């Protein structure tokens, strides 16, 4: 892997469906927008706070962007930051890990130390 991982936060039930199918087709917001939203390590905490505040039963998924091919586009979003967007389903062969995204005692999600 030559690029840093990118991340997806998904409801656990939706992710389990993806595991059964062997691909993730997106959450409702992704389907409405026409692409799967991802975040970089520098963006994922803000994504969690803005779109998933207080939500439990979530999964944090790490993805190898090099395995996504030309369907992965980097496009401006929040304040001009470039966010990774996948125009097509996520093949689970690109997934590095999927783990529970717990909420800490302060009410914020707890991320692995490796995501800075």
C-alpha atoms as a PDB file:
ATOM      1  CA  UNK A   1       0.000   0.000   0.000  1.00  0.00           C
ATOM      2  CA  UNK A   2       1.454   3.354  -0.975  1.00  0.00           C
ATOM      3  CA  UNK A   3      -1.346   5.713   0.079  1.00  0.00           C
ATOM      4  CA  UNK A   4      -2.691   6.411   3.540  1.00  0.00           C
ATOM      5  CA  UNK A   5      -5.942   4.643   4.397  1.00  0.00           C
ATOM      6  CA  UNK A   6      -9.277   6.396   4.036  1.00  0.00           C
ATOM      7  CA  UNK A   7     -12.237   5.815   6.327  1.00  0.00           C
ATOM      8  CA  UNK A   8     -15.972   5.197   6.275  1.00  0.00           C
ATOM      9  CA  UNK A   9     -18.287   5.398   9.272  1.00  0.00           C
ATOM     10  CA  UNK A  10     -21.354   3.215   8.839  1.00  0.00           C
ATOM     11  CA  UNK A  11     -24.183   1.867  10.977  1.00  0.00           C
ATOM     12  CA  UNK A  12     -23.312  -1.635  12.141  1.00  0.00           C
ATOM     13  CA  UNK A  13     -26.423  -3.246  10.595  1.00  0.00           C
ATOM     14  CA  UNK A  14     -25.694  -1.696   7.206  1.00  0.00           C
ATOM     15  CA  UNK A  15     -22.079  -2.854   7.356  1.00  0.00           C
ATOM     16  CA  UNK A  16     -23.143  -6.404   8.259  1.00  0.00           C
ATOM     17  CA  UNK A  17     -25.357  -6.430   5.145  1.00  0.00           C
ATOM     18  CA  UNK A  18     -22.337  -5.356   3.093  1.00  0.00           C
ATOM     19  CA  UNK A  19     -20.273  -8.188   4.544  1.00  0.00           C
ATOM     20  CA  UNK A  20     -22.990 -10.648   3.542  1.00  0.00           C
ATOM     21  CA  UNK A  21     -23.051  -9.249  -0.022  1.00  0.00           C
ATOM     22  CA  UNK A  22     -19.283  -8.838  -0.379  1.00  0.00           C
ATOM     23  CA  UNK A  23     -19.654  -5.153  -1.275  1.00  0.00           C
ATOM     24  CA  UNK A  24     -20.855  -1.921   0.300  1.00  0.00           C
ATOM     25  CA  UNK A  25     -23.209   0.035  -1.912  1.00  0.00           C
ATOM     26  CA  UNK A  26     -23.496   2.991   0.437  1.00  0.00           C
ATOM     27  CA  UNK A  27     -25.549   4.487   3.226  1.00  0.00           C
ATOM     28  CA  UNK A  28     -28.717   6.434   2.371  1.00  0.00           C
ATOM     29  CA  UNK A  29     -26.734   9.703   2.099  1.00  0.00           C
ATOM     30  CA  UNK A  30     -24.279   8.036  -0.290  1.00  0.00           C
ATOM     31  CA  UNK A  31     -27.049   6.655  -2.473  1.00  0.00           C
ATOM     32  CA  UNK A  32     -28.741  10.075  -2.568  1.00  0.00           C
ATOM     33  CA  UNK A  33     -25.490  11.840  -3.542  1.00  0.00           C
ATOM     34  CA  UNK A  34     -24.419   9.238  -6.107  1.00  0.00           C
ATOM     35  CA  UNK A  35     -21.118   8.309  -4.461  1.00  0.00           C
ATOM     36  CA  UNK A  36     -19.767   6.835  -1.230  1.00  0.00           C
ATOM     37  CA  UNK A  37     -18.404   9.451   1.159  1.00  0.00           C
ATOM     38  CA  UNK A  38     -15.051   8.741   2.783  1.00  0.00           C
ATOM     39  CA  UNK A  39     -12.760  10.783   5.039  1.00  0.00           C
ATOM     40  CA  UNK A  40      -9.022  10.969   5.560  1.00  0.00           C
ATOM     41  CA  UNK A  41      -7.470  10.453   8.988  1.00  0.00           C
ATOM     42  CA  UNK A  42      -7.371  14.229   9.420  1.00  0.00           C
ATOM     43  CA  UNK A  43     -11.089  14.542   8.553  1.00  0.00           C
ATOM     44  CA  UNK A  44     -12.751  11.509  10.154  1.00  0.00           C
ATOM     45  CA  UNK A  45     -13.176  12.947  13.657  1.00  0.00           C
ATOM     46  CA  UNK A  46     -14.941  16.023  12.291  1.00  0.00           C
ATOM     47  CA  UNK A  47     -17.090  13.762  10.099  1.00  0.00           C
ATOM     48  CA  UNK A  48     -18.074  11.758  13.187  1.00  0.00           C
ATOM     49  CA  UNK A  49     -18.909  14.913  15.157  1.00  0.00           C
ATOM     50  CA  UNK A  50     -20.853  16.541  12.339  1.00  0.00           C
ATOM     51  CA  UNK A  51     -22.798  13.567  10.976  1.00  0.00           C
ATOM     52  CA  UNK A  52     -22.811  10.921  13.740  1.00  0.00           C
ATOM     53  CA  UNK A  53     -22.796  12.884  17.030  1.00  0.00           C
ATOM     54  CA  UNK A  54     -24.006  10.728  19.887  1.00  0.00           C
ATOM     55  CA  UNK A  55     -24.729   7.744  17.653  1.00  0.00           C
ATOM     56  CA  UNK A  56     -23.733   4.330  18.894  1.00  0.00           C
ATOM     57  CA  UNK A  57     -23.718   1.026  17.035  1.00  0.00           C
ATOM     58  CA  UNK A  58     -21.362   2.329  14.356  1.00  0.00           C
ATOM     59  CA  UNK A  59     -18.457   0.712  12.537  1.00  0.00           C
ATOM     60  CA  UNK A  60     -15.248   2.443  11.498  1.00  0.00           C
ATOM     61  CA  UNK A  61     -13.947   0.965   8.259  1.00  0.00           C
ATOM     62  CA  UNK A  62     -10.388   1.503   7.023  1.00  0.00           C
ATOM     63  CA  UNK A  63      -9.909   1.238   3.259  1.00  0.00           C
ATOM     64  CA  UNK A  64      -6.853   1.014   1.021  1.00  0.00           C
ATOM     65  CA  UNK A  65      -7.477   3.745  -1.572  1.00  0.00           C
ATOM     66  CA  UNK A  66      -4.986   2.171  -3.989  1.00  0.00           C
ATOM     67  CA  UNK A  67      -7.377  -0.750  -4.441  1.00  0.00           C
ATOM     68  CA  UNK A  68     -10.290   1.446  -5.567  1.00  0.00           C
ATOM     69  CA  UNK A  69      -8.993   2.449  -8.976  1.00  0.00           C
ATOM     70  CA  UNK A  70     -10.335   5.269 -11.114  1.00  0.00           C
ATOM     71  CA  UNK A  71     -13.743   5.231  -9.382  1.00  0.00           C
ATOM     72  CA  UNK A  72     -12.140   7.088  -6.437  1.00  0.00           C
ATOM     73  CA  UNK A  73     -12.203  10.851  -6.914  1.00  0.00           C
ATOM     74  CA  UNK A  74     -10.840  13.560  -4.610  1.00  0.00           C
ATOM     75  CA  UNK A  75     -13.321  16.430  -4.610  1.00  0.00           C
ATOM     76  CA  UNK A  76     -13.657  19.690  -2.671  1.00  0.00           C
ATOM     77  CA  UNK A  77     -16.188  19.797   0.111  1.00  0.00           C
ATOM     78  CA  UNK A  78     -16.129  21.327   3.610  1.00  0.00           C
ATOM     79  CA  UNK A  79     -14.217  24.587   3.390  1.00  0.00           C
ATOM     80  CA  UNK A  80     -12.510  23.509   0.173  1.00  0.00           C
ATOM     81  CA  UNK A  81     -10.922  20.386   1.688  1.00  0.00           C
ATOM     82  CA  UNK A  82     -10.516  17.474  -0.702  1.00  0.00           C
ATOM     83  CA  UNK A  83     -12.576  14.461   0.341  1.00  0.00           C
ATOM     84  CA  UNK A  84     -12.392  10.990  -1.191  1.00  0.00           C
ATOM     85  CA  UNK A  85     -15.583   9.925  -2.995  1.00  0.00           C
ATOM     86  CA  UNK A  86     -16.138   6.517  -4.567  1.00  0.00           C
ATOM     87  CA  UNK A  87     -18.348   6.410  -7.651  1.00  0.00           C
ATOM     88  CA  UNK A  88     -19.463   2.809  -7.418  1.00  0.00           C
ATOM     89  CA  UNK A  89     -19.755   0.084  -4.809  1.00  0.00           C
ATOM     90  CA  UNK A  90     -16.950  -0.590  -2.364  1.00  0.00           C
ATOM     91  CA  UNK A  91     -15.458  -4.031  -2.994  1.00  0.00           C
ATOM     92  CA  UNK A  92     -14.673  -5.448   0.435  1.00  0.00           C
ATOM     93  CA  UNK A  93     -11.312  -6.637  -0.883  1.00  0.00           C
ATOM     94  CA  UNK A  94     -10.147  -3.039  -0.353  1.00  0.00           C
ATOM     95  CA  UNK A  95     -11.084  -3.080   3.352  1.00  0.00           C
ATOM     96  CA  UNK A  96      -8.182  -3.101   5.785  1.00  0.00           C
ATOM     97  CA  UNK A  97     -10.318  -3.377   8.923  1.00  0.00           C
ATOM     98  CA  UNK A  98     -13.833  -2.838  10.253  1.00  0.00           C
ATOM     99  CA  UNK A  99     -14.202  -2.256  13.977  1.00  0.00           C
ATOM    100  CA  UNK A 100     -16.713  -0.902  16.429  1.00  0.00           C
ATOM    101  CA  UNK A 101     -16.650   2.883  16.808  1.00  0.00           C
ATOM    102  CA  UNK A 102     -17.481   3.333  20.465  1.00  0.00           C
ATOM    103  CA  UNK A 103     -18.487   6.497  22.298  1.00  0.00           C
ATOM    104  CA  UNK A 104     -16.281   7.567  25.173  1.00  0.00           C
ATOM    105  CA  UNK A 105     -17.370   8.960  28.537  1.00  0.00           C
ATOM    106  CA  UNK A 106     -17.032  12.497  27.142  1.00  0.00           C
ATOM    107  CA  UNK A 107     -19.687  11.745  24.498  1.00  0.00           C
ATOM    108  CA  UNK A 108     -17.237  11.723  21.580  1.00  0.00           C
ATOM    109  CA  UNK A 109     -16.330   8.715  19.467  1.00  0.00           C
ATOM    110  CA  UNK A 110     -13.116   6.885  20.341  1.00  0.00           C
ATOM    111  CA  UNK A 111     -10.742   6.437  17.412  1.00  0.00           C
ATOM    112  CA  UNK A 112      -7.733   4.134  17.255  1.00  0.00           C
ATOM    113  CA  UNK A 113      -4.464   5.827  18.186  1.00  0.00           C
ATOM    114  CA  UNK A 114      -3.172   5.114  14.669  1.00  0.00           C
ATOM    115  CA  UNK A 115      -5.661   7.629  13.213  1.00  0.00           C
ATOM    116  CA  UNK A 116      -4.279  11.108  13.762  1.00  0.00           C
END
